[in-house]
Amino acid sequence: MDVAVLIALVVSFAVLVTAHVALAFALTLRVPRWRGPVSFLVPPLAPYWGMEVGMKRRAGLWVTALVVYVLARILAEL
């Protein structure tokens, strides 16, 4: 069980960081361009603005990875 939780932690965190960087970069390519750097520094804005401009899959992946990561952290503490 501990190994499964560890794998879930590592994989979900890696997916979260990757999705976050992808969202921030994609937001930088769209107008207004300032949303990219701001969303990189204020993480909750990335999926919010991503949904606004139509990046529903990336934003959904970001939120899903965050939920899995939080649940794995909770399980790791038990």
PDB file of N, CA and C in Angstrom:
ATOM      1  N   MET A   1       0.826  -1.200   0.000  1.00  0.00           N
ATOM      2  CA  MET A   1       0.000   0.000   0.000  1.00  0.00           C
ATOM      3  C   MET A   1       0.866   1.259   0.000  1.00  0.00           C
ATOM      4  N   ASP A   2       1.944   1.222   0.751  1.00  0.00           N
ATOM      5  CA  ASP A   2       2.811   2.397   0.820  1.00  0.00           C
ATOM      6  C   ASP A   2       3.447   2.712  -0.525  1.00  0.00           C
ATOM      7  N   VAL A   3       3.791   1.677  -1.269  1.00  0.00           N
ATOM      8  CA  VAL A   3       4.413   1.884  -2.573  1.00  0.00           C
ATOM      9  C   VAL A   3       3.408   2.506  -3.537  1.00  0.00           C
ATOM     10  N   ALA A   4       2.161   2.058  -3.492  1.00  0.00           N
ATOM     11  CA  ALA A   4       1.124   2.607  -4.370  1.00  0.00           C
ATOM     12  C   ALA A   4       0.880   4.086  -4.070  1.00  0.00           C
ATOM     13  N   VAL A   5       0.865   4.431  -2.799  1.00  0.00           N
ATOM     14  CA  VAL A   5       0.667   5.831  -2.417  1.00  0.00           C
ATOM     15  C   VAL A   5       1.861   6.671  -2.865  1.00  0.00           C
ATOM     16  N   LEU A   6       3.056   6.140  -2.708  1.00  0.00           N
ATOM     17  CA  LEU A   6       4.251   6.856  -3.147  1.00  0.00           C
ATOM     18  C   LEU A   6       4.237   7.083  -4.660  1.00  0.00           C
ATOM     19  N   ILE A   7       3.869   6.061  -5.406  1.00  0.00           N
ATOM     20  CA  ILE A   7       3.789   6.197  -6.857  1.00  0.00           C
ATOM     21  C   ILE A   7       2.725   7.226  -7.238  1.00  0.00           C
ATOM     22  N   ALA A   8       1.577   7.182  -6.555  1.00  0.00           N
ATOM     23  CA  ALA A   8       0.514   8.154  -6.826  1.00  0.00           C
ATOM     24  C   ALA A   8       0.992   9.570  -6.529  1.00  0.00           C
ATOM     25  N   LEU A   9       1.742   9.747  -5.449  1.00  0.00           N
ATOM     26  CA  LEU A   9       2.280  11.071  -5.105  1.00  0.00           C
ATOM     27  C   LEU A   9       3.219  11.582  -6.189  1.00  0.00           C
ATOM     28  N   VAL A  10       4.156  10.759  -6.576  1.00  0.00           N
ATOM     29  CA  VAL A  10       5.168  11.182  -7.548  1.00  0.00           C
ATOM     30  C   VAL A  10       4.538  11.465  -8.905  1.00  0.00           C
ATOM     31  N   VAL A  11       3.701  10.558  -9.377  1.00  0.00           N
ATOM     32  CA  VAL A  11       3.106  10.715 -10.701  1.00  0.00           C
ATOM     33  C   VAL A  11       2.139  11.906 -10.738  1.00  0.00           C
ATOM     34  N   SER A  12       1.296  12.032  -9.723  1.00  0.00           N
ATOM     35  CA  SER A  12       0.335  13.139  -9.727  1.00  0.00           C
ATOM     36  C   SER A  12       1.041  14.489  -9.613  1.00  0.00           C
ATOM     37  N   PHE A  13       2.115  14.564  -8.842  1.00  0.00           N
ATOM     38  CA  PHE A  13       2.851  15.823  -8.744  1.00  0.00           C
ATOM     39  C   PHE A  13       3.527  16.158 -10.066  1.00  0.00           C
ATOM     40  N   ALA A  14       4.096  15.147 -10.721  1.00  0.00           N
ATOM     41  CA  ALA A  14       4.740  15.378 -12.015  1.00  0.00           C
ATOM     42  C   ALA A  14       3.724  15.846 -13.057  1.00  0.00           C
ATOM     43  N   VAL A  15       2.550  15.233 -13.068  1.00  0.00           N
ATOM     44  CA  VAL A  15       1.503  15.635 -14.007  1.00  0.00           C
ATOM     45  C   VAL A  15       1.019  17.051 -13.684  1.00  0.00           C
ATOM     46  N   LEU A  16       0.875  17.357 -12.395  1.00  0.00           N
ATOM     47  CA  LEU A  16       0.435  18.693 -11.989  1.00  0.00           C
ATOM     48  C   LEU A  16       1.418  19.768 -12.441  1.00  0.00           C
ATOM     49  N   VAL A  17       2.688  19.537 -12.215  1.00  0.00           N
ATOM     50  CA  VAL A  17       3.701  20.524 -12.616  1.00  0.00           C
ATOM     51  C   VAL A  17       3.747  20.661 -14.139  1.00  0.00           C
ATOM     52  N   THR A  18       3.686  19.548 -14.839  1.00  0.00           N
ATOM     53  CA  THR A  18       3.712  19.587 -16.301  1.00  0.00           C
ATOM     54  C   THR A  18       2.492  20.316 -16.857  1.00  0.00           C
ATOM     55  N   ALA A  19       1.323  20.010 -16.321  1.00  0.00           N
ATOM     56  CA  ALA A  19       0.105  20.684 -16.781  1.00  0.00           C
ATOM     57  C   ALA A  19       0.152  22.174 -16.454  1.00  0.00           C
ATOM     58  N   HIS A  20       0.714  22.513 -15.311  1.00  0.00           N
ATOM     59  CA  HIS A  20       0.809  23.917 -14.924  1.00  0.00           C
ATOM     60  C   HIS A  20       1.722  24.696 -15.869  1.00  0.00           C
ATOM     61  N   VAL A  21       2.870  24.141 -16.170  1.00  0.00           N
ATOM     62  CA  VAL A  21       3.800  24.807 -17.092  1.00  0.00           C
ATOM     63  C   VAL A  21       3.182  24.900 -18.488  1.00  0.00           C
ATOM     64  N   ALA A  22       2.507  23.843 -18.930  1.00  0.00           N
ATOM     65  CA  ALA A  22       1.864  23.865 -20.254  1.00  0.00           C
ATOM     66  C   ALA A  22       0.769  24.919 -20.311  1.00  0.00           C
ATOM     67  N   LEU A  23      -0.030  25.025 -19.256  1.00  0.00           N
ATOM     68  CA  LEU A  23      -1.075  26.045 -19.220  1.00  0.00           C
ATOM     69  C   LEU A  23      -0.477  27.452 -19.228  1.00  0.00           C
ATOM     70  N   ALA A  24       0.524  27.672 -18.398  1.00  0.00           N
ATOM     71  CA  ALA A  24       1.135  29.002 -18.328  1.00  0.00           C
ATOM     72  C   ALA A  24       1.753  29.383 -19.671  1.00  0.00           C
ATOM     73  N   PHE A  25       2.423  28.445 -20.320  1.00  0.00           N
ATOM     74  CA  PHE A  25       3.034  28.721 -21.621  1.00  0.00           C
ATOM     75  C   PHE A  25       1.961  29.012 -22.666  1.00  0.00           C
ATOM     76  N   ALA A  26       0.901  28.209 -22.682  1.00  0.00           N
ATOM     77  CA  ALA A  26      -0.171  28.417 -23.655  1.00  0.00           C
ATOM     78  C   ALA A  26      -0.888  29.745 -23.412  1.00  0.00           C
ATOM     79  N   LEU A  27      -1.045  30.129 -22.157  1.00  0.00           N
ATOM     80  CA  LEU A  27      -1.662  31.421 -21.859  1.00  0.00           C
ATOM     81  C   LEU A  27      -0.774  32.580 -22.308  1.00  0.00           C
ATOM     82  N   THR A  28       0.528  32.370 -22.296  1.00  0.00           N
ATOM     83  CA  THR A  28       1.455  33.405 -22.758  1.00  0.00           C
ATOM     84  C   THR A  28       1.305  33.638 -24.258  1.00  0.00           C
ATOM     85  N   LEU A  29       0.907  32.610 -24.987  1.00  0.00           N
ATOM     86  CA  LEU A  29       0.761  32.728 -26.434  1.00  0.00           C
ATOM     87  C   LEU A  29      -0.557  33.372 -26.849  1.00  0.00           C
ATOM     88  N   ARG A  30      -1.462  33.573 -25.896  1.00  0.00           N
ATOM     89  CA  ARG A  30      -2.766  34.159 -26.203  1.00  0.00           C
ATOM     90  C   ARG A  30      -2.857  35.560 -25.629  1.00  0.00           C
ATOM     91  N   VAL A  31      -3.764  36.331 -26.194  1.00  0.00           N
ATOM     92  CA  VAL A  31      -3.973  37.699 -25.716  1.00  0.00           C
ATOM     93  C   VAL A  31      -4.984  37.654 -24.587  1.00  0.00           C
ATOM     94  N   PRO A  32      -4.788  38.325 -23.503  1.00  0.00           N
ATOM     95  CA  PRO A  32      -3.655  39.155 -23.089  1.00  0.00           C
ATOM     96  C   PRO A  32      -2.486  38.284 -22.613  1.00  0.00           C
ATOM     97  N   ARG A  33      -1.316  38.624 -23.048  1.00  0.00           N
ATOM     98  CA  ARG A  33      -0.122  37.811 -22.798  1.00  0.00           C
ATOM     99  C   ARG A  33       0.335  37.824 -21.342  1.00  0.00           C
ATOM    100  N   TRP A  34      -0.059  38.801 -20.575  1.00  0.00           N
ATOM    101  CA  TRP A  34       0.385  38.885 -19.184  1.00  0.00           C
ATOM    102  C   TRP A  34      -0.206  37.766 -18.327  1.00  0.00           C
ATOM    103  N   ARG A  35      -1.252  37.111 -18.800  1.00  0.00           N
ATOM    104  CA  ARG A  35      -1.864  36.036 -18.006  1.00  0.00           C
ATOM    105  C   ARG A  35      -0.926  34.839 -17.818  1.00  0.00           C
ATOM    106  N   GLY A  36      -0.058  34.600 -18.774  1.00  0.00           N
ATOM    107  CA  GLY A  36       0.874  33.473 -18.680  1.00  0.00           C
ATOM    108  C   GLY A  36       1.809  33.588 -17.491  1.00  0.00           C
ATOM    109  N   PRO A  37       2.596  34.675 -17.408  1.00  0.00           N
ATOM    110  CA  PRO A  37       3.505  34.813 -16.266  1.00  0.00           C
ATOM    111  C   PRO A  37       2.776  34.921 -14.919  1.00  0.00           C
ATOM    112  N   VAL A  38       1.624  35.599 -14.916  1.00  0.00           N
ATOM    113  CA  VAL A  38       0.877  35.728 -13.655  1.00  0.00           C
ATOM    114  C   VAL A  38       0.351  34.372 -13.211  1.00  0.00           C
ATOM    115  N   SER A  39      -0.168  33.590 -14.156  1.00  0.00           N
ATOM    116  CA  SER A  39      -0.687  32.269 -13.781  1.00  0.00           C
ATOM    117  C   SER A  39       0.433  31.320 -13.371  1.00  0.00           C
ATOM    118  N   PHE A  40       1.640  31.563 -13.872  1.00  0.00           N
ATOM    119  CA  PHE A  40       2.776  30.747 -13.451  1.00  0.00           C
ATOM    120  C   PHE A  40       3.117  31.023 -11.986  1.00  0.00           C
ATOM    121  N   LEU A  41       2.997  32.274 -11.572  1.00  0.00           N
ATOM    122  CA  LEU A  41       3.329  32.659 -10.198  1.00  0.00           C
ATOM    123  C   LEU A  41       2.176  32.456  -9.224  1.00  0.00           C
ATOM    124  N   VAL A  42       0.942  32.493  -9.708  1.00  0.00           N
ATOM    125  CA  VAL A  42      -0.253  32.286  -8.874  1.00  0.00           C
ATOM    126  C   VAL A  42      -0.980  31.062  -9.435  1.00  0.00           C
ATOM    127  N   PRO A  43      -0.598  29.871  -8.996  1.00  0.00           N
ATOM    128  CA  PRO A  43      -1.067  28.631  -9.623  1.00  0.00           C
ATOM    129  C   PRO A  43      -2.585  28.460  -9.794  1.00  0.00           C
ATOM    130  N   PRO A  44      -3.428  28.861  -8.843  1.00  0.00           N
ATOM    131  CA  PRO A  44      -4.865  28.638  -9.074  1.00  0.00           C
ATOM    132  C   PRO A  44      -5.444  29.400 -10.269  1.00  0.00           C
ATOM    133  N   LEU A  45      -4.756  30.414 -10.733  1.00  0.00           N
ATOM    134  CA  LEU A  45      -5.254  31.168 -11.880  1.00  0.00           C
ATOM    135  C   LEU A  45      -5.060  30.418 -13.196  1.00  0.00           C
ATOM    136  N   ALA A  46      -4.124  29.508 -13.243  1.00  0.00           N
ATOM    137  CA  ALA A  46      -3.850  28.788 -14.495  1.00  0.00           C
ATOM    138  C   ALA A  46      -5.065  27.995 -14.987  1.00  0.00           C
ATOM    139  N   PRO A  47      -5.665  27.125 -14.188  1.00  0.00           N
ATOM    140  CA  PRO A  47      -6.832  26.409 -14.717  1.00  0.00           C
ATOM    141  C   PRO A  47      -8.044  27.317 -14.911  1.00  0.00           C
ATOM    142  N   TYR A  48      -8.174  28.343 -14.089  1.00  0.00           N
ATOM    143  CA  TYR A  48      -9.300  29.269 -14.222  1.00  0.00           C
ATOM    144  C   TYR A  48      -9.245  29.987 -15.562  1.00  0.00           C
ATOM    145  N   TRP A  49      -8.106  30.606 -15.856  1.00  0.00           N
ATOM    146  CA  TRP A  49      -7.954  31.302 -17.128  1.00  0.00           C
ATOM    147  C   TRP A  49      -7.889  30.324 -18.287  1.00  0.00           C
ATOM    148  N   GLY A  50      -7.359  29.137 -18.052  1.00  0.00           N
ATOM    149  CA  GLY A  50      -7.338  28.127 -19.107  1.00  0.00           C
ATOM    150  C   GLY A  50      -8.740  27.737 -19.544  1.00  0.00           C
ATOM    151  N   MET A  51      -9.644  27.586 -18.592  1.00  0.00           N
ATOM    152  CA  MET A  51     -11.035  27.275 -18.921  1.00  0.00           C
ATOM    153  C   MET A  51     -11.687  28.435 -19.674  1.00  0.00           C
ATOM    154  N   GLU A  52     -11.345  29.657 -19.281  1.00  0.00           N
ATOM    155  CA  GLU A  52     -11.926  30.832 -19.941  1.00  0.00           C
ATOM    156  C   GLU A  52     -11.569  30.912 -21.425  1.00  0.00           C
ATOM    157  N   VAL A  53     -10.333  30.529 -21.758  1.00  0.00           N
ATOM    158  CA  VAL A  53      -9.902  30.662 -23.153  1.00  0.00           C
ATOM    159  C   VAL A  53     -10.055  29.366 -23.951  1.00  0.00           C
ATOM    160  N   GLY A  54     -10.652  28.339 -23.352  1.00  0.00           N
ATOM    161  CA  GLY A  54     -10.964  27.132 -24.100  1.00  0.00           C
ATOM    162  C   GLY A  54      -9.991  25.980 -23.963  1.00  0.00           C
ATOM    163  N   MET A  55      -9.072  26.053 -23.014  1.00  0.00           N
ATOM    164  CA  MET A  55      -8.136  24.940 -22.797  1.00  0.00           C
ATOM    165  C   MET A  55      -8.706  24.012 -21.712  1.00  0.00           C
ATOM    166  N   LYS A  56      -9.852  23.428 -22.029  1.00  0.00           N
ATOM    167  CA  LYS A  56     -10.578  22.645 -21.030  1.00  0.00           C
ATOM    168  C   LYS A  56      -9.845  21.360 -20.635  1.00  0.00           C
ATOM    169  N   ARG A  57      -9.199  20.714 -21.578  1.00  0.00           N
ATOM    170  CA  ARG A  57      -8.478  19.466 -21.259  1.00  0.00           C
ATOM    171  C   ARG A  57      -7.284  19.728 -20.353  1.00  0.00           C
ATOM    172  N   ARG A  58      -6.514  20.748 -20.667  1.00  0.00           N
ATOM    173  CA  ARG A  58      -5.349  21.066 -19.831  1.00  0.00           C
ATOM    174  C   ARG A  58      -5.787  21.490 -18.440  1.00  0.00           C
ATOM    175  N   ALA A  59      -6.808  22.316 -18.375  1.00  0.00           N
ATOM    176  CA  ALA A  59      -7.295  22.772 -17.073  1.00  0.00           C
ATOM    177  C   ALA A  59      -7.886  21.599 -16.282  1.00  0.00           C
ATOM    178  N   GLY A  60      -8.616  20.726 -16.966  1.00  0.00           N
ATOM    179  CA  GLY A  60      -9.172  19.545 -16.304  1.00  0.00           C
ATOM    180  C   GLY A  60      -8.088  18.610 -15.802  1.00  0.00           C
ATOM    181  N   LEU A  61      -7.033  18.454 -16.591  1.00  0.00           N
ATOM    182  CA  LEU A  61      -5.897  17.631 -16.167  1.00  0.00           C
ATOM    183  C   LEU A  61      -5.223  18.230 -14.942  1.00  0.00           C
ATOM    184  N   TRP A  62      -5.073  19.552 -14.923  1.00  0.00           N
ATOM    185  CA  TRP A  62      -4.463  20.257 -13.791  1.00  0.00           C
ATOM    186  C   TRP A  62      -5.277  20.000 -12.517  1.00  0.00           C
ATOM    187  N   VAL A  63      -6.592  20.188 -12.607  1.00  0.00           N
ATOM    188  CA  VAL A  63      -7.460  20.005 -11.437  1.00  0.00           C
ATOM    189  C   VAL A  63      -7.474  18.551 -10.993  1.00  0.00           C
ATOM    190  N   THR A  64      -7.544  17.618 -11.940  1.00  0.00           N
ATOM    191  CA  THR A  64      -7.547  16.192 -11.598  1.00  0.00           C
ATOM    192  C   THR A  64      -6.241  15.793 -10.920  1.00  0.00           C
ATOM    193  N   ALA A  65      -5.119  16.260 -11.444  1.00  0.00           N
ATOM    194  CA  ALA A  65      -3.823  15.939 -10.833  1.00  0.00           C
ATOM    195  C   ALA A  65      -3.729  16.515  -9.425  1.00  0.00           C
ATOM    196  N   LEU A  66      -4.274  17.703  -9.232  1.00  0.00           N
ATOM    197  CA  LEU A  66      -4.258  18.299  -7.895  1.00  0.00           C
ATOM    198  C   LEU A  66      -5.093  17.471  -6.918  1.00  0.00           C
ATOM    199  N   VAL A  67      -6.263  17.039  -7.342  1.00  0.00           N
ATOM    200  CA  VAL A  67      -7.131  16.235  -6.476  1.00  0.00           C
ATOM    201  C   VAL A  67      -6.463  14.910  -6.120  1.00  0.00           C
ATOM    202  N   VAL A  68      -5.870  14.248  -7.106  1.00  0.00           N
ATOM    203  CA  VAL A  68      -5.181  12.974  -6.849  1.00  0.00           C
ATOM    204  C   VAL A  68      -4.004  13.196  -5.907  1.00  0.00           C
ATOM    205  N   TYR A  69      -3.259  14.289  -6.109  1.00  0.00           N
ATOM    206  CA  TYR A  69      -2.117  14.581  -5.248  1.00  0.00           C
ATOM    207  C   TYR A  69      -2.561  14.829  -3.808  1.00  0.00           C
ATOM    208  N   VAL A  70      -3.620  15.600  -3.627  1.00  0.00           N
ATOM    209  CA  VAL A  70      -4.111  15.882  -2.269  1.00  0.00           C
ATOM    210  C   VAL A  70      -4.600  14.597  -1.607  1.00  0.00           C
ATOM    211  N   LEU A  71      -5.327  13.780  -2.333  1.00  0.00           N
ATOM    212  CA  LEU A  71      -5.789  12.504  -1.760  1.00  0.00           C
ATOM    213  C   LEU A  71      -4.624  11.583  -1.411  1.00  0.00           C
ATOM    214  N   ALA A  72      -3.603  11.552  -2.250  1.00  0.00           N
ATOM    215  CA  ALA A  72      -2.433  10.717  -1.961  1.00  0.00           C
ATOM    216  C   ALA A  72      -1.695  11.258  -0.739  1.00  0.00           C
ATOM    217  N   ARG A  73      -1.622  12.575  -0.596  1.00  0.00           N
ATOM    218  CA  ARG A  73      -0.989  13.156   0.608  1.00  0.00           C
ATOM    219  C   ARG A  73      -1.762  12.777   1.853  1.00  0.00           C
ATOM    220  N   ILE A  74      -3.079  12.811   1.787  1.00  0.00           N
ATOM    221  CA  ILE A  74      -3.908  12.423   2.930  1.00  0.00           C
ATOM    222  C   ILE A  74      -3.684  10.954   3.272  1.00  0.00           C
ATOM    223  N   LEU A  75      -3.671  10.096   2.252  1.00  0.00           N
ATOM    224  CA  LEU A  75      -3.433   8.668   2.496  1.00  0.00           C
ATOM    225  C   LEU A  75      -2.035   8.409   3.051  1.00  0.00           C
ATOM    226  N   ALA A  76      -1.077   9.194   2.621  1.00  0.00           N
ATOM    227  CA  ALA A  76       0.293   9.011   3.106  1.00  0.00           C
ATOM    228  C   ALA A  76       0.410   9.353   4.587  1.00  0.00           C
ATOM    229  N   GLU A  77      -0.430  10.256   5.051  1.00  0.00           N
ATOM    230  CA  GLU A  77      -0.379  10.664   6.463  1.00  0.00           C
ATOM    231  C   GLU A  77      -1.083   9.672   7.374  1.00  0.00           C
ATOM    232  N   LEU A  78      -1.949   8.824   6.840  1.00  0.00           N
ATOM    233  CA  LEU A  78      -2.697   7.865   7.676  1.00  0.00           C
ATOM    234  C   LEU A  78      -1.819   6.732   8.152  1.00  0.00           C
TER     235      LEU A  78
END
